[in-house]
């Protein structure tokens, strides 16, 4: 399912127009992404939790030369599904 299909499904389920449903879907995505960028957790009961995870800096290897390189710390978005969703 892509964003357009999700918007159409929301419109059908709620009786909204597709334009209104699209705005609602966009607002939900923007709110979740803004919170995760701010390092907040977004927990939706029965669905799951969106959060920011940080991977520590580490040493890696260049596979072509075998040279050791430094890999910087990185923060990325993660999703932990609720037990009901599993």
PDB file of N, CA and C in Angstrom:
ATOM      1  N   UNK A   1       0.851  -1.177   0.000  1.00  0.00           N
ATOM      2  CA  UNK A   1       0.000   0.000   0.000  1.00  0.00           C
ATOM      3  C   UNK A   1       0.895   1.237   0.000  1.00  0.00           C
ATOM      4  N   UNK A   2       0.622   2.158  -0.900  1.00  0.00           N
ATOM      5  CA  UNK A   2       1.382   3.400  -0.936  1.00  0.00           C
ATOM      6  C   UNK A   2       0.551   4.532  -0.321  1.00  0.00           C
ATOM      7  N   UNK A   3       1.108   5.734  -0.333  1.00  0.00           N
ATOM      8  CA  UNK A   3       0.444   6.862   0.319  1.00  0.00           C
ATOM      9  C   UNK A   3      -0.908   7.180  -0.325  1.00  0.00           C
ATOM     10  N   UNK A   4      -0.990   7.112  -1.642  1.00  0.00           N
ATOM     11  CA  UNK A   4      -2.247   7.380  -2.332  1.00  0.00           C
ATOM     12  C   UNK A   4      -3.329   6.376  -1.970  1.00  0.00           C
ATOM     13  N   UNK A   5      -2.947   5.114  -1.890  1.00  0.00           N
ATOM     14  CA  UNK A   5      -3.904   4.076  -1.506  1.00  0.00           C
ATOM     15  C   UNK A   5      -4.342   4.247  -0.050  1.00  0.00           C
ATOM     16  N   UNK A   6      -3.403   4.645   0.800  1.00  0.00           N
ATOM     17  CA  UNK A   6      -3.728   4.896   2.205  1.00  0.00           C
ATOM     18  C   UNK A   6      -4.710   6.058   2.308  1.00  0.00           C
ATOM     19  N   UNK A   7      -4.464   7.119   1.562  1.00  0.00           N
ATOM     20  CA  UNK A   7      -5.360   8.273   1.569  1.00  0.00           C
ATOM     21  C   UNK A   7      -6.763   7.881   1.110  1.00  0.00           C
ATOM     22  N   UNK A   8      -6.838   7.079   0.068  1.00  0.00           N
ATOM     23  CA  UNK A   8      -8.136   6.633  -0.443  1.00  0.00           C
ATOM     24  C   UNK A   8      -8.865   5.778   0.598  1.00  0.00           C
ATOM     25  N   UNK A   9      -8.140   4.885   1.276  1.00  0.00           N
ATOM     26  CA  UNK A   9      -8.744   4.030   2.297  1.00  0.00           C
ATOM     27  C   UNK A   9      -9.258   4.859   3.472  1.00  0.00           C
ATOM     28  N   UNK A  10      -8.497   5.874   3.885  1.00  0.00           N
ATOM     29  CA  UNK A  10      -8.931   6.742   4.980  1.00  0.00           C
ATOM     30  C   UNK A  10     -10.179   7.507   4.562  1.00  0.00           C
ATOM     31  N   UNK A  11     -10.203   7.996   3.328  1.00  0.00           N
ATOM     32  CA  UNK A  11     -11.372   8.730   2.838  1.00  0.00           C
ATOM     33  C   UNK A  11     -12.619   7.854   2.843  1.00  0.00           C
ATOM     34  N   UNK A  12     -12.497   6.620   2.401  1.00  0.00           N
ATOM     35  CA  UNK A  12     -13.632   5.704   2.379  1.00  0.00           C
ATOM     36  C   UNK A  12     -14.092   5.332   3.787  1.00  0.00           C
ATOM     37  N   UNK A  13     -13.131   5.136   4.702  1.00  0.00           N
ATOM     38  CA  UNK A  13     -13.477   4.717   6.064  1.00  0.00           C
ATOM     39  C   UNK A  13     -14.126   5.834   6.874  1.00  0.00           C
ATOM     40  N   UNK A  14     -13.770   7.088   6.567  1.00  0.00           N
ATOM     41  CA  UNK A  14     -14.268   8.193   7.378  1.00  0.00           C
ATOM     42  C   UNK A  14     -15.350   9.026   6.698  1.00  0.00           C
ATOM     43  N   UNK A  15     -15.539   8.832   5.417  1.00  0.00           N
ATOM     44  CA  UNK A  15     -16.516   9.635   4.696  1.00  0.00           C
ATOM     45  C   UNK A  15     -15.988  11.002   4.298  1.00  0.00           C
ATOM     46  N   UNK A  16     -14.696  11.222   4.443  1.00  0.00           N
ATOM     47  CA  UNK A  16     -14.066  12.483   4.036  1.00  0.00           C
ATOM     48  C   UNK A  16     -13.823  12.467   2.535  1.00  0.00           C
ATOM     49  N   UNK A  17     -13.564  13.640   1.974  1.00  0.00           N
ATOM     50  CA  UNK A  17     -13.124  13.679   0.581  1.00  0.00           C
ATOM     51  C   UNK A  17     -11.661  13.222   0.548  1.00  0.00           C
ATOM     52  N   UNK A  18     -11.181  12.850  -0.635  1.00  0.00           N
ATOM     53  CA  UNK A  18      -9.794  12.405  -0.728  1.00  0.00           C
ATOM     54  C   UNK A  18      -8.829  13.546  -0.419  1.00  0.00           C
ATOM     55  N   UNK A  19      -9.206  14.769  -0.754  1.00  0.00           N
ATOM     56  CA  UNK A  19      -8.357  15.916  -0.435  1.00  0.00           C
ATOM     57  C   UNK A  19      -8.214  16.119   1.060  1.00  0.00           C
ATOM     58  N   UNK A  20      -9.321  16.039   1.781  1.00  0.00           N
ATOM     59  CA  UNK A  20      -9.289  16.187   3.242  1.00  0.00           C
ATOM     60  C   UNK A  20      -8.521  15.039   3.877  1.00  0.00           C
ATOM     61  N   UNK A  21      -8.740  13.819   3.384  1.00  0.00           N
ATOM     62  CA  UNK A  21      -8.038  12.657   3.924  1.00  0.00           C
ATOM     63  C   UNK A  21      -6.540  12.781   3.658  1.00  0.00           C
ATOM     64  N   UNK A  22      -6.176  13.295   2.494  1.00  0.00           N
ATOM     65  CA  UNK A  22      -4.756  13.500   2.172  1.00  0.00           C
ATOM     66  C   UNK A  22      -4.111  14.472   3.132  1.00  0.00           C
ATOM     67  N   UNK A  23      -4.817  15.556   3.464  1.00  0.00           N
ATOM     68  CA  UNK A  23      -4.292  16.521   4.428  1.00  0.00           C
ATOM     69  C   UNK A  23      -4.135  15.887   5.809  1.00  0.00           C
ATOM     70  N   UNK A  24      -5.090  15.043   6.198  1.00  0.00           N
ATOM     71  CA  UNK A  24      -5.014  14.375   7.497  1.00  0.00           C
ATOM     72  C   UNK A  24      -3.832  13.402   7.551  1.00  0.00           C
ATOM     73  N   UNK A  25      -3.661  12.632   6.483  1.00  0.00           N
ATOM     74  CA  UNK A  25      -2.541  11.678   6.427  1.00  0.00           C
ATOM     75  C   UNK A  25      -1.215  12.431   6.467  1.00  0.00           C
ATOM     76  N   UNK A  26      -1.099  13.514   5.691  1.00  0.00           N
ATOM     77  CA  UNK A  26       0.123  14.326   5.700  1.00  0.00           C
ATOM     78  C   UNK A  26       0.399  14.893   7.083  1.00  0.00           C
ATOM     79  N   UNK A  27      -0.640  15.364   7.768  1.00  0.00           N
ATOM     80  CA  UNK A  27      -0.470  15.935   9.103  1.00  0.00           C
ATOM     81  C   UNK A  27       0.041  14.889  10.089  1.00  0.00           C
ATOM     82  N   UNK A  28      -0.485  13.674   9.999  1.00  0.00           N
ATOM     83  CA  UNK A  28      -0.029  12.603  10.898  1.00  0.00           C
ATOM     84  C   UNK A  28       1.449  12.302  10.644  1.00  0.00           C
ATOM     85  N   UNK A  29       1.831  12.169   9.372  1.00  0.00           N
ATOM     86  CA  UNK A  29       3.227  11.867   9.045  1.00  0.00           C
ATOM     87  C   UNK A  29       4.164  12.993   9.480  1.00  0.00           C
ATOM     88  N   UNK A  30       3.765  14.237   9.259  1.00  0.00           N
ATOM     89  CA  UNK A  30       4.601  15.375   9.647  1.00  0.00           C
ATOM     90  C   UNK A  30       4.750  15.455  11.166  1.00  0.00           C
ATOM     91  N   UNK A  31       3.686  15.177  11.890  1.00  0.00           N
ATOM     92  CA  UNK A  31       3.740  15.216  13.344  1.00  0.00           C
ATOM     93  C   UNK A  31       4.666  14.137  13.895  1.00  0.00           C
ATOM     94  N   UNK A  32       4.545  12.921  13.356  1.00  0.00           N
ATOM     95  CA  UNK A  32       5.403  11.822  13.813  1.00  0.00           C
ATOM     96  C   UNK A  32       6.858  12.103  13.470  1.00  0.00           C
ATOM     97  N   UNK A  33       7.135  12.526  12.236  1.00  0.00           N
ATOM     98  CA  UNK A  33       8.523  12.767  11.843  1.00  0.00           C
ATOM     99  C   UNK A  33       9.122  13.929  12.626  1.00  0.00           C
ATOM    100  N   UNK A  34       8.352  14.972  12.897  1.00  0.00           N
ATOM    101  CA  UNK A  34       8.856  16.085  13.697  1.00  0.00           C
ATOM    102  C   UNK A  34       9.202  15.671  15.109  1.00  0.00           C
ATOM    103  N   UNK A  35       8.367  14.836  15.699  1.00  0.00           N
ATOM    104  CA  UNK A  35       8.632  14.360  17.063  1.00  0.00           C
ATOM    105  C   UNK A  35       9.873  13.476  17.102  1.00  0.00           C
ATOM    106  N   UNK A  36      10.016  12.594  16.119  1.00  0.00           N
ATOM    107  CA  UNK A  36      11.186  11.706  16.099  1.00  0.00           C
ATOM    108  C   UNK A  36      12.461  12.514  15.858  1.00  0.00           C
ATOM    109  N   UNK A  37      12.402  13.533  14.992  1.00  0.00           N
ATOM    110  CA  UNK A  37      13.563  14.402  14.778  1.00  0.00           C
ATOM    111  C   UNK A  37      13.942  15.121  16.058  1.00  0.00           C
ATOM    112  N   UNK A  38      12.953  15.429  16.887  1.00  0.00           N
ATOM    113  CA  UNK A  38      13.196  16.063  18.178  1.00  0.00           C
ATOM    114  C   UNK A  38      13.548  15.070  19.269  1.00  0.00           C
ATOM    115  N   UNK A  39      13.795  13.836  18.887  1.00  0.00           N
ATOM    116  CA  UNK A  39      14.189  12.753  19.796  1.00  0.00           C
ATOM    117  C   UNK A  39      13.098  12.385  20.790  1.00  0.00           C
ATOM    118  N   UNK A  40      11.846  12.588  20.407  1.00  0.00           N
ATOM    119  CA  UNK A  40      10.725  12.160  21.231  1.00  0.00           C
ATOM    120  C   UNK A  40      10.214  10.821  20.718  1.00  0.00           C
ATOM    121  N   UNK A  41       9.613  10.053  21.613  1.00  0.00           N
ATOM    122  CA  UNK A  41       8.965   8.811  21.206  1.00  0.00           C
ATOM    123  C   UNK A  41       7.497   9.092  20.930  1.00  0.00           C
ATOM    124  N   UNK A  42       6.974   8.442  19.905  1.00  0.00           N
ATOM    125  CA  UNK A  42       5.551   8.546  19.594  1.00  0.00           C
ATOM    126  C   UNK A  42       4.972   7.145  19.758  1.00  0.00           C
ATOM    127  N   UNK A  43       4.200   6.936  20.810  1.00  0.00           N
ATOM    128  CA  UNK A  43       3.626   5.623  21.110  1.00  0.00           C
ATOM    129  C   UNK A  43       2.143   5.636  20.764  1.00  0.00           C
ATOM    130  N   UNK A  44       1.748   4.731  19.883  1.00  0.00           N
ATOM    131  CA  UNK A  44       0.354   4.598  19.488  1.00  0.00           C
ATOM    132  C   UNK A  44      -0.119   3.243  19.998  1.00  0.00           C
ATOM    133  N   UNK A  45      -1.026   3.261  20.967  1.00  0.00           N
ATOM    134  CA  UNK A  45      -1.486   2.034  21.610  1.00  0.00           C
ATOM    135  C   UNK A  45      -2.063   1.066  20.587  1.00  0.00           C
ATOM    136  N   UNK A  46      -1.643  -0.178  20.661  1.00  0.00           N
ATOM    137  CA  UNK A  46      -2.122  -1.218  19.765  1.00  0.00           C
ATOM    138  C   UNK A  46      -1.445  -1.223  18.412  1.00  0.00           C
ATOM    139  N   UNK A  47      -0.575  -0.235  18.138  1.00  0.00           N
ATOM    140  CA  UNK A  47       0.112  -0.162  16.849  1.00  0.00           C
ATOM    141  C   UNK A  47       1.615  -0.269  17.019  1.00  0.00           C
ATOM    142  N   UNK A  48       2.205   0.648  17.791  1.00  0.00           N
ATOM    143  CA  UNK A  48       3.642   0.579  18.011  1.00  0.00           C
ATOM    144  C   UNK A  48       4.212   1.911  18.437  1.00  0.00           C
ATOM    145  N   UNK A  49       5.552   1.972  18.467  1.00  0.00           N
ATOM    146  CA  UNK A  49       6.275   3.153  18.913  1.00  0.00           C
ATOM    147  C   UNK A  49       7.291   3.563  17.866  1.00  0.00           C
ATOM    148  N   UNK A  50       7.270   4.844  17.515  1.00  0.00           N
ATOM    149  CA  UNK A  50       8.286   5.419  16.640  1.00  0.00           C
ATOM    150  C   UNK A  50       9.309   6.106  17.534  1.00  0.00           C
ATOM    151  N   UNK A  51      10.605   5.906  17.277  1.00  0.00           N
ATOM    152  CA  UNK A  51      11.638   6.496  18.105  1.00  0.00           C
ATOM    153  C   UNK A  51      12.910   6.713  17.299  1.00  0.00           C
ATOM    154  N   UNK A  52      13.807   7.516  17.852  1.00  0.00           N
ATOM    155  CA  UNK A  52      15.112   7.755  17.240  1.00  0.00           C
ATOM    156  C   UNK A  52      16.130   6.877  17.947  1.00  0.00           C
ATOM    157  N   UNK A  53      16.910   6.137  17.178  1.00  0.00           N
ATOM    158  CA  UNK A  53      17.955   5.282  17.745  1.00  0.00           C
ATOM    159  C   UNK A  53      19.313   5.794  17.282  1.00  0.00           C
ATOM    160  N   UNK A  54      20.266   5.751  18.186  1.00  0.00           N
ATOM    161  CA  UNK A  54      21.615   6.198  17.868  1.00  0.00           C
ATOM    162  C   UNK A  54      22.556   4.999  17.861  1.00  0.00           C
ATOM    163  N   UNK A  55      23.277   4.855  16.748  1.00  0.00           N
ATOM    164  CA  UNK A  55      24.303   3.815  16.671  1.00  0.00           C
ATOM    165  C   UNK A  55      25.642   4.453  17.002  1.00  0.00           C
ATOM    166  N   UNK A  56      26.410   3.827  17.861  1.00  0.00           N
ATOM    167  CA  UNK A  56      27.685   4.367  18.310  1.00  0.00           C
ATOM    168  C   UNK A  56      28.706   4.370  17.169  1.00  0.00           C
ATOM    169  N   UNK A  57      29.692   5.245  17.290  1.00  0.00           N
ATOM    170  CA  UNK A  57      30.788   5.269  16.320  1.00  0.00           C
ATOM    171  C   UNK A  57      31.558   3.957  16.429  1.00  0.00           C
ATOM    172  N   UNK A  58      32.109   3.520  15.306  1.00  0.00           N
ATOM    173  CA  UNK A  58      32.829   2.239  15.312  1.00  0.00           C
ATOM    174  C   UNK A  58      33.868   2.224  14.195  1.00  0.00           C
ATOM    175  N   UNK A  59      34.721   1.220  14.250  1.00  0.00           N
ATOM    176  CA  UNK A  59      35.708   1.017  13.190  1.00  0.00           C
ATOM    177  C   UNK A  59      35.131   0.062  12.157  1.00  0.00           C
ATOM    178  N   UNK A  60      35.411   0.341  10.902  1.00  0.00           N
ATOM    179  CA  UNK A  60      34.982  -0.532   9.820  1.00  0.00           C
ATOM    180  C   UNK A  60      36.136  -0.786   8.881  1.00  0.00           C
ATOM    181  N   UNK A  61      35.873  -1.556   7.853  1.00  0.00           N
ATOM    182  CA  UNK A  61      36.925  -1.851   6.880  1.00  0.00           C
ATOM    183  C   UNK A  61      36.448  -1.553   5.472  1.00  0.00           C
ATOM    184  N   UNK A  62      37.331  -0.984   4.687  1.00  0.00           N
ATOM    185  CA  UNK A  62      37.082  -0.788   3.272  1.00  0.00           C
ATOM    186  C   UNK A  62      37.291  -2.152   2.614  1.00  0.00           C
ATOM    187  N   UNK A  63      36.258  -2.754   2.027  1.00  0.00           N
ATOM    188  CA  UNK A  63      36.417  -4.101   1.477  1.00  0.00           C
ATOM    189  C   UNK A  63      37.365  -4.168   0.281  1.00  0.00           C
ATOM    190  N   UNK A  64      37.553  -3.063  -0.410  1.00  0.00           N
ATOM    191  CA  UNK A  64      38.443  -3.075  -1.575  1.00  0.00           C
ATOM    192  C   UNK A  64      39.908  -3.067  -1.165  1.00  0.00           C
ATOM    193  N   UNK A  65      40.257  -2.302  -0.118  1.00  0.00           N
ATOM    194  CA  UNK A  65      41.659  -2.168   0.268  1.00  0.00           C
ATOM    195  C   UNK A  65      41.992  -2.843   1.592  1.00  0.00           C
ATOM    196  N   UNK A  66      40.997  -3.137   2.389  1.00  0.00           N
ATOM    197  CA  UNK A  66      41.231  -3.718   3.705  1.00  0.00           C
ATOM    198  C   UNK A  66      41.613  -2.682   4.741  1.00  0.00           C
ATOM    199  N   UNK A  67      41.633  -1.415   4.353  1.00  0.00           N
ATOM    200  CA  UNK A  67      42.016  -0.334   5.244  1.00  0.00           C
ATOM    201  C   UNK A  67      40.939  -0.112   6.313  1.00  0.00           C
ATOM    202  N   UNK A  68      41.376   0.146   7.546  1.00  0.00           N
ATOM    203  CA  UNK A  68      40.449   0.435   8.638  1.00  0.00           C
ATOM    204  C   UNK A  68      39.997   1.889   8.522  1.00  0.00           C
ATOM    205  N   UNK A  69      38.686   2.107   8.659  1.00  0.00           N
ATOM    206  CA  UNK A  69      38.139   3.457   8.601  1.00  0.00           C
ATOM    207  C   UNK A  69      37.252   3.690   9.820  1.00  0.00           C
ATOM    208  N   UNK A  70      37.047   4.951  10.137  1.00  0.00           N
ATOM    209  CA  UNK A  70      36.171   5.326  11.249  1.00  0.00           C
ATOM    210  C   UNK A  70      34.776   5.571  10.688  1.00  0.00           C
ATOM    211  N   UNK A  71      33.764   4.953  11.293  1.00  0.00           N
ATOM    212  CA  UNK A  71      32.368   5.174  10.926  1.00  0.00           C
ATOM    213  C   UNK A  71      31.764   6.017  12.040  1.00  0.00           C
ATOM    214  N   UNK A  72      31.229   7.164  11.672  1.00  0.00           N
ATOM    215  CA  UNK A  72      30.713   8.124  12.654  1.00  0.00           C
ATOM    216  C   UNK A  72      29.418   7.628  13.306  1.00  0.00           C
ATOM    217  N   UNK A  73      29.112   8.231  14.457  1.00  0.00           N
ATOM    218  CA  UNK A  73      27.844   7.956  15.137  1.00  0.00           C
ATOM    219  C   UNK A  73      26.696   8.382  14.217  1.00  0.00           C
ATOM    220  N   UNK A  74      25.603   7.624  14.246  1.00  0.00           N
ATOM    221  CA  UNK A  74      24.482   7.915  13.361  1.00  0.00           C
ATOM    222  C   UNK A  74      23.170   7.729  14.106  1.00  0.00           C
ATOM    223  N   UNK A  75      22.241   8.651  13.877  1.00  0.00           N
ATOM    224  CA  UNK A  75      20.904   8.558  14.447  1.00  0.00           C
ATOM    225  C   UNK A  75      19.918   8.296  13.324  1.00  0.00           C
ATOM    226  N   UNK A  76      19.032   7.331  13.524  1.00  0.00           N
ATOM    227  CA  UNK A  76      18.025   7.020  12.510  1.00  0.00           C
ATOM    228  C   UNK A  76      16.693   6.720  13.188  1.00  0.00           C
ATOM    229  N   UNK A  77      15.640   6.790  12.396  1.00  0.00           N
ATOM    230  CA  UNK A  77      14.301   6.500  12.902  1.00  0.00           C
ATOM    231  C   UNK A  77      14.109   4.987  12.987  1.00  0.00           C
ATOM    232  N   UNK A  78      13.348   4.576  13.990  1.00  0.00           N
ATOM    233  CA  UNK A  78      13.058   3.152  14.164  1.00  0.00           C
ATOM    234  C   UNK A  78      11.594   3.001  14.559  1.00  0.00           C
ATOM    235  N   UNK A  79      11.072   1.815  14.327  1.00  0.00           N
ATOM    236  CA  UNK A  79       9.704   1.501  14.696  1.00  0.00           C
ATOM    237  C   UNK A  79       9.695   0.190  15.452  1.00  0.00           C
ATOM    238  N   UNK A  80       9.047   0.201  16.600  1.00  0.00           N
ATOM    239  CA  UNK A  80       8.916  -1.014  17.414  1.00  0.00           C
ATOM    240  C   UNK A  80       7.428  -1.364  17.455  1.00  0.00           C
ATOM    241  N   UNK A  81       7.019  -2.443  16.790  1.00  0.00           N
ATOM    242  CA  UNK A  81       5.585  -2.772  16.757  1.00  0.00           C
ATOM    243  C   UNK A  81       5.066  -3.214  18.114  1.00  0.00           C
ATOM    244  N   UNK A  82       3.810  -2.924  18.361  1.00  0.00           N
ATOM    245  CA  UNK A  82       3.135  -3.368  19.586  1.00  0.00           C
ATOM    246  C   UNK A  82       2.889  -4.860  19.495  1.00  0.00           C
ATOM    247  N   UNK A  83       2.723  -5.503  20.618  1.00  0.00           N
ATOM    248  CA  UNK A  83       2.511  -6.957  20.617  1.00  0.00           C
ATOM    249  C   UNK A  83       1.255  -7.327  19.853  1.00  0.00           C
ATOM    250  N   UNK A  84       0.247  -6.465  19.847  1.00  0.00           N
ATOM    251  CA  UNK A  84      -0.987  -6.746  19.100  1.00  0.00           C
ATOM    252  C   UNK A  84      -0.734  -6.759  17.600  1.00  0.00           C
ATOM    253  N   UNK A  85       0.249  -6.008  17.130  1.00  0.00           N
ATOM    254  CA  UNK A  85       0.574  -5.945  15.712  1.00  0.00           C
ATOM    255  C   UNK A  85       1.464  -7.111  15.287  1.00  0.00           C
ATOM    256  N   UNK A  86       2.223  -7.647  16.230  1.00  0.00           N
ATOM    257  CA  UNK A  86       3.116  -8.754  15.903  1.00  0.00           C
ATOM    258  C   UNK A  86       2.287  -9.966  15.566  1.00  0.00           C
TER     259      UNK A  86
END
